[in-house]
C-alpha atoms as a PDB file:
ATOM      1  CA  UNK A   1     -84.252 -28.949 -14.921  1.00  0.00           C
ATOM      2  CA  UNK A   2     -81.565 -28.131 -17.483  1.00  0.00           C
ATOM      3  CA  UNK A   3     -78.996 -25.513 -16.472  1.00  0.00           C
ATOM      4  CA  UNK A   4     -77.519 -23.439 -19.279  1.00  0.00           C
ATOM      5  CA  UNK A   5     -73.868 -22.524 -18.858  1.00  0.00           C
ATOM      6  CA  UNK A   6     -73.760 -18.717 -18.825  1.00  0.00           C
ATOM      7  CA  UNK A   7     -70.970 -16.202 -18.441  1.00  0.00           C
ATOM      8  CA  UNK A   8     -70.718 -15.196 -14.784  1.00  0.00           C
ATOM      9  CA  UNK A   9     -72.231 -18.379 -13.341  1.00  0.00           C
ATOM     10  CA  UNK A  10     -70.391 -20.221 -10.555  1.00  0.00           C
ATOM     11  CA  UNK A  11     -69.794 -23.999 -10.528  1.00  0.00           C
ATOM     12  CA  UNK A  12     -68.261 -26.439  -8.008  1.00  0.00           C
ATOM     13  CA  UNK A  13     -65.943 -29.251  -9.117  1.00  0.00           C
ATOM     14  CA  UNK A  14     -67.423 -32.649  -8.148  1.00  0.00           C
ATOM     15  CA  UNK A  15     -64.455 -34.873  -9.027  1.00  0.00           C
ATOM     16  CA  UNK A  16     -62.448 -36.422  -6.209  1.00  0.00           C
ATOM     17  CA  UNK A  17     -59.329 -34.612  -7.447  1.00  0.00           C
ATOM     18  CA  UNK A  18     -61.029 -31.221  -7.502  1.00  0.00           C
ATOM     19  CA  UNK A  19     -62.948 -31.392  -4.215  1.00  0.00           C
ATOM     20  CA  UNK A  20     -63.344 -27.862  -2.845  1.00  0.00           C
ATOM     21  CA  UNK A  21     -62.577 -26.124  -6.156  1.00  0.00           C
ATOM     22  CA  UNK A  22     -65.037 -23.614  -7.568  1.00  0.00           C
ATOM     23  CA  UNK A  23     -64.927 -21.751 -10.864  1.00  0.00           C
ATOM     24  CA  UNK A  24     -66.657 -18.813 -12.561  1.00  0.00           C
ATOM     25  CA  UNK A  25     -67.470 -18.948 -16.272  1.00  0.00           C
ATOM     26  CA  UNK A  26     -65.821 -16.057 -18.147  1.00  0.00           C
ATOM     27  CA  UNK A  27     -66.633 -17.163 -21.727  1.00  0.00           C
ATOM     28  CA  UNK A  28     -68.487 -19.876 -23.647  1.00  0.00           C
ATOM     29  CA  UNK A  29     -67.214 -20.775 -27.111  1.00  0.00           C
ATOM     30  CA  UNK A  30     -67.230 -23.783 -29.479  1.00  0.00           C
ATOM     31  CA  UNK A  31     -68.384 -26.373 -26.959  1.00  0.00           C
ATOM     32  CA  UNK A  32     -66.128 -25.172 -24.138  1.00  0.00           C
ATOM     33  CA  UNK A  33     -66.503 -22.943 -21.094  1.00  0.00           C
ATOM     34  CA  UNK A  34     -63.499 -20.780 -20.224  1.00  0.00           C
ATOM     35  CA  UNK A  35     -63.435 -20.619 -16.425  1.00  0.00           C
ATOM     36  CA  UNK A  36     -61.487 -18.755 -13.763  1.00  0.00           C
ATOM     37  CA  UNK A  37     -60.669 -20.588 -10.525  1.00  0.00           C
ATOM     38  CA  UNK A  38     -62.259 -18.934  -7.481  1.00  0.00           C
ATOM     39  CA  UNK A  39     -61.209 -21.387  -4.756  1.00  0.00           C
ATOM     40  CA  UNK A  40     -58.420 -23.955  -4.606  1.00  0.00           C
ATOM     41  CA  UNK A  41     -59.004 -27.645  -4.040  1.00  0.00           C
ATOM     42  CA  UNK A  42     -58.862 -28.701  -0.399  1.00  0.00           C
ATOM     43  CA  UNK A  43     -55.563 -30.530  -1.074  1.00  0.00           C
ATOM     44  CA  UNK A  44     -53.898 -27.453  -2.571  1.00  0.00           C
ATOM     45  CA  UNK A  45     -55.120 -25.348   0.372  1.00  0.00           C
ATOM     46  CA  UNK A  46     -53.674 -27.941   2.792  1.00  0.00           C
ATOM     47  CA  UNK A  47     -50.307 -27.878   1.005  1.00  0.00           C
ATOM     48  CA  UNK A  48     -50.252 -24.073   0.861  1.00  0.00           C
ATOM     49  CA  UNK A  49     -50.926 -23.906   4.601  1.00  0.00           C
ATOM     50  CA  UNK A  50     -48.157 -26.422   5.325  1.00  0.00           C
ATOM     51  CA  UNK A  51     -45.784 -24.471   3.086  1.00  0.00           C
ATOM     52  CA  UNK A  52     -46.595 -21.255   4.973  1.00  0.00           C
ATOM     53  CA  UNK A  53     -45.764 -23.051   8.249  1.00  0.00           C
ATOM     54  CA  UNK A  54     -42.460 -24.293   6.814  1.00  0.00           C
ATOM     55  CA  UNK A  55     -43.598 -27.932   6.924  1.00  0.00           C
ATOM     56  CA  UNK A  56     -44.016 -28.601   3.184  1.00  0.00           C
ATOM     57  CA  UNK A  57     -41.307 -28.324   0.561  1.00  0.00           C
ATOM     58  CA  UNK A  58     -43.103 -29.581  -2.552  1.00  0.00           C
ATOM     59  CA  UNK A  59     -43.942 -27.639  -5.672  1.00  0.00           C
ATOM     60  CA  UNK A  60     -47.395 -26.185  -4.992  1.00  0.00           C
ATOM     61  CA  UNK A  61     -48.968 -22.984  -6.256  1.00  0.00           C
ATOM     62  CA  UNK A  62     -52.142 -21.072  -5.579  1.00  0.00           C
ATOM     63  CA  UNK A  63     -54.525 -21.723  -8.489  1.00  0.00           C
ATOM     64  CA  UNK A  64     -56.982 -18.909  -7.717  1.00  0.00           C
ATOM     65  CA  UNK A  65     -57.321 -16.611 -10.698  1.00  0.00           C
ATOM     66  CA  UNK A  66     -55.978 -19.158 -13.196  1.00  0.00           C
ATOM     67  CA  UNK A  67     -58.039 -19.868 -16.318  1.00  0.00           C
ATOM     68  CA  UNK A  68     -58.760 -23.110 -18.135  1.00  0.00           C
ATOM     69  CA  UNK A  69     -61.206 -24.593 -20.653  1.00  0.00           C
ATOM     70  CA  UNK A  70     -63.810 -27.202 -19.711  1.00  0.00           C
ATOM     71  CA  UNK A  71     -66.004 -29.105 -22.164  1.00  0.00           C
ATOM     72  CA  UNK A  72     -69.646 -28.074 -21.779  1.00  0.00           C
ATOM     73  CA  UNK A  73     -70.777 -31.704 -21.443  1.00  0.00           C
ATOM     74  CA  UNK A  74     -68.852 -31.850 -18.120  1.00  0.00           C
ATOM     75  CA  UNK A  75     -70.938 -28.986 -16.703  1.00  0.00           C
ATOM     76  CA  UNK A  76     -73.346 -31.359 -14.963  1.00  0.00           C
ATOM     77  CA  UNK A  77     -73.317 -33.213 -11.639  1.00  0.00           C
ATOM     78  CA  UNK A  78     -71.426 -36.489 -11.582  1.00  0.00           C
ATOM     79  CA  UNK A  79     -68.148 -38.116 -10.623  1.00  0.00           C
ATOM     80  CA  UNK A  80     -66.160 -36.024 -13.105  1.00  0.00           C
ATOM     81  CA  UNK A  81     -68.426 -33.037 -13.599  1.00  0.00           C
ATOM     82  CA  UNK A  82     -69.370 -29.694 -12.113  1.00  0.00           C
ATOM     83  CA  UNK A  83     -72.327 -28.759  -9.885  1.00  0.00           C
ATOM     84  CA  UNK A  84     -74.156 -25.489 -10.571  1.00  0.00           C
ATOM     85  CA  UNK A  85     -73.898 -23.086  -7.605  1.00  0.00           C
ATOM     86  CA  UNK A  86     -75.180 -19.670  -8.704  1.00  0.00           C
ATOM     87  CA  UNK A  87     -76.319 -17.862 -11.826  1.00  0.00           C
ATOM     88  CA  UNK A  88     -74.696 -14.697 -13.111  1.00  0.00           C
ATOM     89  CA  UNK A  89     -77.663 -12.670 -11.797  1.00  0.00           C
ATOM     90  CA  UNK A  90     -77.131 -14.007  -8.251  1.00  0.00           C
ATOM     91  CA  UNK A  91     -73.383 -13.379  -8.138  1.00  0.00           C
ATOM     92  CA  UNK A  92     -72.349 -10.178  -6.409  1.00  0.00           C
ATOM     93  CA  UNK A  93     -69.141  -9.794  -4.424  1.00  0.00           C
ATOM     94  CA  UNK A  94     -70.973 -10.199  -1.094  1.00  0.00           C
ATOM     95  CA  UNK A  95     -73.093 -13.115  -2.323  1.00  0.00           C
ATOM     96  CA  UNK A  96     -69.971 -14.772  -3.738  1.00  0.00           C
ATOM     97  CA  UNK A  97     -68.125 -14.414  -0.424  1.00  0.00           C
ATOM     98  CA  UNK A  98     -71.125 -15.926   1.414  1.00  0.00           C
ATOM     99  CA  UNK A  99     -71.434 -18.735  -1.126  1.00  0.00           C
ATOM    100  CA  UNK A 100     -67.772 -19.710  -1.022  1.00  0.00           C
ATOM    101  CA  UNK A 101     -67.559 -19.323   2.750  1.00  0.00           C
END
């Protein structure tokens, strides 16, 4: 089953560096998807929590809301790809909160 990358769809990062990160597609243009980060990676969340407790002094920032471009050929499951989570029709604020936990 081929999944078409559509505006509004939600995808999970499957790379080891991006574990826990999810993104929403805001535009598709010239072979790229412009995405907005919905959830941070687990490592960034860990560092943010340590920073809030005063136990981490590194340079870390919350990536939620940031935008980036991803090649459309990476929008597929694999070691350096993205896993489809929900279509634009399925994404409402409540459904998104349930999906992202």
